[in-house]
Structure formats: structure tokens, C-alpha cells
Amino acid sequence: MESLALRPGLLVLGYHRIGLANPTAGYAGVFSATADEFCDQIGYLKSRFRLLSLDEMLAAGPELNLREPSVLITFDDGYRDNLEVAVPILQQLDVPATFFLPTDFLDRPHLFWWDRLALILYRTTADRIVLEAPVPIDLDLRTMSRDAAIAHAVGPLLDADPNTIEPWLDRLEKCADVSIANEDEARNLLMDWNGARELLAAGMSVGSHARSHRNLARLDPDVQREELAGSKTRLESALGSVVSAVAYPYGVASAVSAKTCEIARDAGYGVAFGFGGGINRPGNANQFTRARINVGSADSLDIFRARCVFLSTMGKSIF
């Protein structure tokens, strides 16, 4: 398989958390790899691809004038383990990466809804939890594992009105008889502004992940503009460097509209990333819908290698 000839193109890999999932660390579903797995993955990529910095990718122009198979490493959400675990590995292997940060979580530490949900359900002693709209759930915790209960609730919340999620979680806390110290928990899990500056000092790039990590396509254009332009302005002011890239929150097709892409362009970004999968080939001039591949904790090294090879050679993967 690995004897297949890799074709010129840009494979963008999206990571979230690096480390071991556990009941004190929030939602297990956002862990991409352990430290050892991440080290093995980056070592493999370095042996087969040209690993680009964000500036090098931008220098290839809107049409991606690349002559060799290339990879851009990215991280979303600004978890503290990115800085404490992933960055030392990247530095050791001399590999650049780009970190997309949502500015509201830097300005006002609070948990992502999926982490708050997970901590509530891990800590409750209730036998059963029943809640209505926007996400009707009936969780029998005597027969369901906590991880299964969390997964059962996360899926529907992804499609819920963004403005209804926090009030629903407030009701969940009461039903579960659990009180989450939101700010304190967030300070343990997420980076602050000093951490963002440490990323730059370590030779990494920082981009925007909007302001409040909401589904942009479900917001009015004026609110999308606040999310995209506002986060860019805030990052540049706080970090003293130009922010040229944004990763749309969630990034799936339903979270990004043509209007979203237009607003990102008008806000002054040079490139924007989703999570549509696939590889970006030279000649693809739409730099506001660059494809990324999500790396998940279920990806063994063999599966990871196979996905990268198939994507680079054929533009799609069977894994």
C-alpha cells in the first residue's frame, strides 16, 4: 500500500485533544490521540510528506501551487493539553502546527457545552434523567454506561439551536443534582491568553475559531460577521500578530454556508477550513472551503497511515 506514489496536494489534519480520556477531563469524544500515538503519527508524516507551516501554505497561493504531497497540522478549540502535551512533541520533531482558538473562551473561561454535559453525567448519582426540548432525553443510568449516556445526548445537541443549549444544560444540572464550577473547570481544561502567546513563542501559528463556537450557518449574517471579524480583531489585538486563517466551528457542510465563506473573505482572512474531508489539490482556488480530515482516537497508526496514503493518491479513503 505505501509503495503507492503520493500525488501533489495538501492534506490538512484536524486534531482536538492529546492525552488520555478520563471522567475528570470532560468529553472523551474530542480526544484525538494519546501522546505516544501523536508522536508516532507525526513521525510517520515527516517521513512521507512535506510538513508545511501556515505561512508556507499561504505562500502557495489560492490555487495551491504545490509540487509535492504536503500536510498541514491543525488543532481546534484551545485545550490546555495542546500546549502542554502536543507542542513539546511538535518542537522535538521540528514540525509546525496551527492552533485555532475561539476568543470568547479566552476572554471569559467557561466550558464547551460537550465538556459540561460530560462532567454532569459523569458526576451525577441519579438513577434516571428525563428532559424535554430542545433535546428530549430519557437516560436510565442503571442500565447505560456513562459514556453511552453522554454519546446519546451529544448527537442531538449538535443540531440544536445554539441559543438553547446552555439553558438546557442548566436544567440538566438541576435534574442530575450536580453543580459544575464552570469557570474553574474551564481554567483546568482550556488555554488562557498567556497560553496563546506561548504558542507563538514556540514557533506555532494561531488562527481564529470564531468567537463563541456556534454553528455559523444557523446565525444571522450580522452575527456571523461579529463571530468572524470580531474574533480576528480580538486575536490580533491580544497577540500582536496578523491572523490570516479561520477554522469554522464544527466545519461540516451544515455549519458553513456560501454567506459564511463570503463573510470570512470580507473579514480579511486568507484561508478558511471546514471538516469536509478529502484532500486539496493544486488548482483548487476556493481557499474559503479548504478540506480537513478529523483525526480520532479510534485511528490506529496503521489506519492513520492508510488514510493518509489513500487520500494523497486517490483523493478519498476507504477508512
Protein backbone atom coordinates (compact mmCIF):
# COMPACT_ATOMS: atom_id res chain seq x y z
CA MET A 1 0.00 0.00 0.00
CA GLU A 2 2.67 2.51 0.99
CA SER A 3 4.51 1.88 -2.27
CA LEU A 4 1.74 3.86 -4.00
CA ALA A 5 3.04 7.10 -5.47
CA LEU A 6 1.81 10.10 -3.49
CA ARG A 7 0.46 12.95 -5.61
CA PRO A 8 0.95 16.69 -5.04
CA GLY A 9 -1.74 18.11 -2.82
CA LEU A 10 -2.46 19.44 0.64
CA LEU A 11 -3.77 17.11 3.32
CA VAL A 12 -4.99 19.11 6.32
CA LEU A 13 -5.28 17.10 9.53
CA GLY A 14 -7.52 18.35 12.33
CA TYR A 15 -6.78 17.42 15.95
CA HIS A 16 -8.56 18.42 19.14
CA ARG A 17 -7.12 16.93 22.33
CA ILE A 18 -3.95 14.93 23.01
CA GLY A 19 -3.80 12.69 26.07
CA LEU A 20 -5.84 10.07 27.91
CA ALA A 21 -9.60 10.46 28.22
CA ASN A 22 -10.92 10.09 31.77
CA PRO A 23 -14.01 11.18 33.75
CA THR A 24 -12.26 14.31 35.07
CA ALA A 25 -11.17 15.50 31.62
CA GLY A 26 -14.53 16.23 30.01
CA TYR A 27 -15.95 14.69 26.85
CA ALA A 28 -13.94 11.68 25.66
CA GLY A 29 -15.08 12.14 22.06
CA VAL A 30 -12.77 15.12 21.46
CA PHE A 31 -9.57 13.20 22.24
CA SER A 32 -7.66 12.63 19.01
CA ALA A 33 -4.71 10.57 20.25
CA THR A 34 -2.53 9.77 23.23
CA ALA A 35 0.85 11.47 23.44
CA ASP A 36 2.62 8.34 22.16
CA GLU A 37 0.14 7.92 19.30
CA PHE A 38 0.51 11.55 18.31
CA CYS A 39 4.31 11.25 18.33
CA ASP A 40 4.09 8.17 16.08
CA GLN A 41 1.67 9.89 13.70
CA ILE A 42 3.83 13.00 13.32
CA GLY A 43 6.94 10.88 12.87
CA TYR A 44 5.24 8.94 10.09
CA LEU A 45 4.02 12.11 8.35
CA LYS A 46 7.51 13.56 8.48
CA SER A 47 8.88 10.50 6.68
CA ARG A 48 6.36 10.67 3.81
CA PHE A 49 5.16 14.25 3.37
CA ARG A 50 6.37 17.81 3.38
CA LEU A 51 5.01 19.33 6.59
CA LEU A 52 4.03 22.95 5.99
CA SER A 53 3.64 25.91 8.27
CA LEU A 54 0.57 28.07 7.76
CA ASP A 55 2.72 30.77 6.14
CA GLU A 56 4.20 28.23 3.70
CA MET A 57 0.72 27.05 2.78
CA LEU A 58 -0.44 30.63 2.19
CA ALA A 59 2.65 31.27 0.06
CA ALA A 60 1.44 28.52 -2.29
CA GLY A 61 -1.34 30.93 -3.27
CA PRO A 62 -5.10 30.46 -3.69
CA GLU A 63 -4.55 27.74 -6.30
CA LEU A 64 -2.16 25.77 -4.07
CA ASN A 65 0.92 25.73 -6.26
CA LEU A 66 2.39 22.63 -4.61
CA ARG A 67 4.73 20.18 -6.33
CA GLU A 68 4.84 17.53 -3.66
CA PRO A 69 2.47 15.82 -1.22
CA SER A 70 2.13 18.17 1.74
CA VAL A 71 0.46 18.18 5.16
CA LEU A 72 -0.74 20.97 7.42
CA ILE A 73 -1.25 20.05 11.09
CA THR A 74 -4.09 21.91 12.83
CA PHE A 75 -5.74 21.93 16.25
CA ASP A 76 -9.15 23.30 17.23
CA ASP A 77 -10.62 24.68 20.45
CA GLY A 78 -7.56 25.66 22.51
CA TYR A 79 -7.38 22.87 25.06
CA ARG A 80 -4.54 23.19 27.55
CA ASP A 81 -3.13 19.78 26.60
CA ASN A 82 -2.38 21.18 23.12
CA LEU A 83 0.22 23.43 24.74
CA GLU A 84 1.42 21.08 27.44
CA VAL A 85 1.50 17.78 25.51
CA ALA A 86 1.31 18.37 21.75
CA VAL A 87 3.63 21.37 21.39
CA PRO A 88 6.67 19.72 23.04
CA ILE A 89 6.29 16.77 20.65
CA LEU A 90 6.00 19.09 17.67
CA GLN A 91 9.08 21.01 18.81
CA GLN A 92 11.05 17.82 19.37
CA LEU A 93 10.26 16.69 15.81
CA ASP A 94 10.68 20.23 14.38
CA VAL A 95 7.15 20.30 12.94
CA PRO A 96 4.93 23.40 12.74
CA ALA A 97 1.21 23.44 13.50
CA THR A 98 -1.67 25.90 13.54
CA PHE A 99 -3.97 26.31 16.53
CA PHE A 100 -7.48 27.71 16.03
CA LEU A 101 -8.78 29.48 19.14
CA PRO A 102 -12.33 30.71 19.98
CA THR A 103 -11.82 34.11 21.60
CA ASP A 104 -14.81 34.16 23.98
CA PHE A 105 -13.32 31.20 25.82
CA LEU A 106 -10.04 33.07 26.26
CA ASP A 107 -11.77 36.24 27.43
CA ARG A 108 -14.25 34.52 29.74
CA PRO A 109 -13.22 31.00 30.76
CA HIS A 110 -16.16 28.60 30.50
CA LEU A 111 -16.63 25.06 29.37
CA PHE A 112 -17.61 23.92 25.90
CA TRP A 113 -21.12 22.51 26.12
CA TRP A 114 -19.94 18.95 25.39
CA ASP A 115 -17.47 19.03 28.30
CA ARG A 116 -20.07 20.46 30.66
CA LEU A 117 -22.53 17.77 29.58
CA ALA A 118 -19.95 15.03 30.12
CA LEU A 119 -18.94 16.27 33.58
CA ILE A 120 -22.59 16.46 34.68
CA LEU A 121 -23.32 12.90 33.60
CA TYR A 122 -20.05 11.51 34.98
CA ARG A 123 -20.72 13.05 38.39
CA THR A 124 -24.43 12.55 38.90
CA THR A 125 -25.69 9.92 41.34
CA ALA A 126 -29.19 9.99 39.85
CA ASP A 127 -30.60 6.72 38.53
CA ARG A 128 -32.58 8.32 35.72
CA ILE A 129 -32.60 11.65 33.92
CA VAL A 130 -35.53 12.85 31.82
CA LEU A 131 -35.54 16.19 29.98
CA GLU A 132 -37.62 17.71 27.21
CA ALA A 133 -36.84 20.11 24.32
CA PRO A 134 -34.63 21.12 22.68
CA VAL A 135 -33.21 17.63 23.22
CA PRO A 136 -35.65 15.16 24.74
CA ILE A 137 -33.68 12.53 26.63
CA ASP A 138 -34.56 9.65 28.90
CA LEU A 139 -31.37 8.20 30.36
CA ASP A 140 -31.57 5.15 32.63
CA LEU A 141 -28.15 5.28 34.28
CA ARG A 142 -28.73 1.94 35.96
CA THR A 143 -28.58 0.19 32.59
CA MET A 144 -26.49 2.61 30.48
CA SER A 145 -22.81 3.32 30.91
CA ARG A 146 -21.94 6.97 31.46
CA ASP A 147 -20.10 7.11 28.14
CA ALA A 148 -23.15 5.70 26.34
CA ALA A 149 -25.41 8.24 28.05
CA ILE A 150 -23.11 11.10 27.05
CA ALA A 151 -22.97 9.91 23.45
CA HIS A 152 -26.76 9.59 23.40
CA ALA A 153 -27.13 13.27 24.36
CA VAL A 154 -24.27 14.79 22.36
CA GLY A 155 -25.58 13.87 18.90
CA PRO A 156 -28.92 15.72 19.12
CA LEU A 157 -27.28 18.76 20.71
CA LEU A 158 -25.09 19.17 17.63
CA ASP A 159 -28.25 20.02 15.68
CA ALA A 160 -29.96 22.10 18.37
CA ASP A 161 -30.47 25.86 18.20
CA PRO A 162 -27.17 27.22 19.61
CA ASN A 163 -29.05 29.66 21.85
CA THR A 164 -30.95 26.88 23.62
CA ILE A 165 -28.04 24.66 24.66
CA GLU A 166 -26.81 26.46 27.79
CA PRO A 167 -30.33 26.84 29.30
CA TRP A 168 -30.89 23.14 28.61
CA LEU A 169 -27.65 22.30 30.41
CA ASP A 170 -28.77 24.42 33.36
CA ARG A 171 -31.89 22.23 33.59
CA LEU A 172 -29.75 19.11 33.22
CA GLU A 173 -27.62 20.14 36.20
CA LYS A 174 -30.75 20.54 38.35
CA CYS A 175 -32.18 17.22 37.21
CA ALA A 176 -28.85 15.49 37.83
CA ASP A 177 -28.38 17.27 41.17
CA VAL A 178 -24.89 18.32 40.12
CA SER A 179 -23.28 21.75 40.24
CA ILE A 180 -20.38 22.35 37.85
CA ALA A 181 -17.94 25.16 38.70
CA ASN A 182 -17.87 26.25 35.07
CA GLU A 183 -15.08 28.83 35.24
CA ASP A 184 -12.80 26.76 37.48
CA GLU A 185 -13.25 23.64 35.37
CA ALA A 186 -12.56 25.63 32.21
CA ARG A 187 -9.31 27.03 33.61
CA ASN A 188 -8.13 23.45 34.11
CA LEU A 189 -9.10 22.29 30.61
CA LEU A 190 -8.52 25.30 28.36
CA MET A 191 -5.73 27.71 27.47
CA ASP A 192 -5.75 31.34 28.50
CA TRP A 193 -4.25 34.31 26.66
CA ASN A 194 -0.82 33.59 28.11
CA GLY A 195 -1.07 30.10 26.64
CA ALA A 196 -1.95 31.56 23.25
CA ARG A 197 1.16 33.74 23.40
CA GLU A 198 3.23 30.69 24.35
CA LEU A 199 2.06 29.00 21.14
CA LEU A 200 3.53 31.84 19.09
CA ALA A 201 6.72 31.85 21.15
CA ALA A 202 7.06 28.12 20.40
CA GLY A 203 7.02 28.83 16.66
CA MET A 204 3.43 27.78 16.08
CA SER A 205 0.69 29.70 14.23
CA VAL A 206 -2.59 30.89 15.72
CA GLY A 207 -5.84 31.26 13.81
CA SER A 208 -9.45 32.06 14.64
CA HIS A 209 -12.10 29.54 15.61
CA ALA A 210 -14.73 32.33 15.68
CA ARG A 211 -15.81 33.83 18.98
CA SER A 212 -18.32 31.56 20.71
CA HIS A 213 -18.01 28.25 18.84
CA ARG A 214 -21.55 28.27 17.47
CA ASN A 215 -22.85 26.81 14.21
CA LEU A 216 -22.26 29.83 11.98
CA ALA A 217 -24.68 28.85 9.23
CA ARG A 218 -27.52 28.95 11.75
CA LEU A 219 -26.76 32.55 12.73
CA ASP A 220 -27.89 35.77 11.07
CA PRO A 221 -25.27 37.31 8.74
CA ASP A 222 -24.63 40.20 11.15
CA VAL A 223 -23.93 37.75 13.98
CA GLN A 224 -21.68 35.66 11.73
CA ARG A 225 -19.78 38.86 10.94
CA GLU A 226 -19.31 39.53 14.67
CA GLU A 227 -18.11 35.96 15.14
CA LEU A 228 -15.59 36.02 12.28
CA ALA A 229 -14.41 39.62 12.09
CA GLY A 230 -14.65 40.15 15.84
CA SER A 231 -12.50 37.15 16.70
CA LYS A 232 -9.87 38.17 14.15
CA THR A 233 -9.66 41.68 15.61
CA ARG A 234 -9.51 40.37 19.18
CA LEU A 235 -6.74 37.86 18.42
CA GLU A 236 -4.64 40.40 16.55
CA SER A 237 -5.01 42.96 19.34
CA ALA A 238 -4.14 40.49 22.12
CA LEU A 239 -1.32 38.67 20.33
CA GLY A 240 0.19 41.48 18.27
CA SER A 241 0.32 39.40 15.09
CA VAL A 242 -1.73 39.12 11.92
CA VAL A 243 -4.37 36.37 11.93
CA SER A 244 -4.79 35.08 8.39
CA ALA A 245 -6.74 31.83 8.88
CA VAL A 246 -10.01 30.67 10.40
CA ALA A 247 -11.46 27.23 11.06
CA TYR A 248 -15.25 27.22 11.04
CA PRO A 249 -16.71 25.73 14.25
CA TYR A 250 -17.94 22.17 13.62
CA GLY A 251 -16.91 22.64 9.97
CA VAL A 252 -19.40 20.17 8.48
CA ALA A 253 -21.44 21.22 5.44
CA SER A 254 -24.47 22.19 7.52
CA ALA A 255 -22.34 24.58 9.60
CA VAL A 256 -20.92 26.56 6.66
CA SER A 257 -22.98 28.44 4.05
CA ALA A 258 -21.93 30.43 0.99
CA LYS A 259 -22.66 33.53 3.07
CA THR A 260 -20.31 32.28 5.79
CA CYS A 261 -17.50 31.97 3.24
CA GLU A 262 -18.24 35.43 1.87
CA ILE A 263 -18.11 36.95 5.35
CA ALA A 264 -14.81 35.18 6.09
CA ARG A 265 -13.32 36.63 2.91
CA ASP A 266 -14.64 40.12 3.66
CA ALA A 267 -13.25 39.91 7.22
CA GLY A 268 -9.75 39.69 5.73
CA TYR A 269 -8.87 36.03 6.19
CA GLY A 270 -6.63 34.47 3.57
CA VAL A 271 -7.91 30.92 4.07
CA ALA A 272 -10.72 29.12 5.87
CA PHE A 273 -11.05 25.45 6.81
CA GLY A 274 -14.01 23.16 7.29
CA PHE A 275 -14.18 19.46 8.09
CA GLY A 276 -15.49 18.20 4.77
CA GLY A 277 -12.85 15.52 4.34
CA GLY A 278 -10.75 14.83 1.28
CA ILE A 279 -7.55 16.41 0.00
CA ASN A 280 -6.89 19.84 -1.51
CA ARG A 281 -5.38 19.52 -4.97
CA PRO A 282 -3.37 22.17 -6.85
CA GLY A 283 -5.67 24.32 -8.97
CA ASN A 284 -8.45 24.42 -6.36
CA ALA A 285 -8.83 28.17 -5.96
CA ASN A 286 -11.59 28.24 -3.33
CA GLN A 287 -9.46 28.98 -0.33
CA PHE A 288 -12.52 29.53 1.90
CA THR A 289 -13.61 25.89 1.88
CA ARG A 290 -10.32 24.08 2.38
CA ALA A 291 -10.96 20.46 3.34
CA ARG A 292 -9.68 18.89 6.54
CA ILE A 293 -9.63 15.36 7.90
CA ASN A 294 -10.55 14.78 11.53
CA VAL A 295 -8.14 12.57 13.47
CA GLY A 296 -9.93 10.48 16.09
CA SER A 297 -8.85 8.29 18.97
CA ALA A 298 -10.06 5.17 17.11
CA ASP A 299 -7.40 5.69 14.43
CA SER A 300 -4.63 3.16 14.99
CA LEU A 301 -1.29 4.00 13.40
CA ASP A 302 -1.98 1.53 10.59
CA ILE A 303 -5.37 3.09 9.87
CA PHE A 304 -3.89 6.58 10.09
CA ARG A 305 -1.16 5.68 7.60
CA ALA A 306 -3.63 4.03 5.24
CA ARG A 307 -5.96 7.04 5.30
CA CYS A 308 -3.12 9.42 4.51
CA VAL A 309 -1.85 7.29 1.62
CA PHE A 310 -5.27 6.70 0.06
CA LEU A 311 -6.18 10.38 0.35
CA SER A 312 -2.93 11.52 -1.19
CA THR A 313 -3.06 9.07 -4.07
CA MET A 314 -6.78 8.84 -4.86
CA GLY A 315 -8.34 11.80 -3.09
CA LYS A 316 -10.53 9.60 -0.89
CA SER A 317 -10.13 6.92 1.71
CA ILE A 318 -11.95 3.67 2.38
CA PHE A 319 -11.19 4.04 6.10
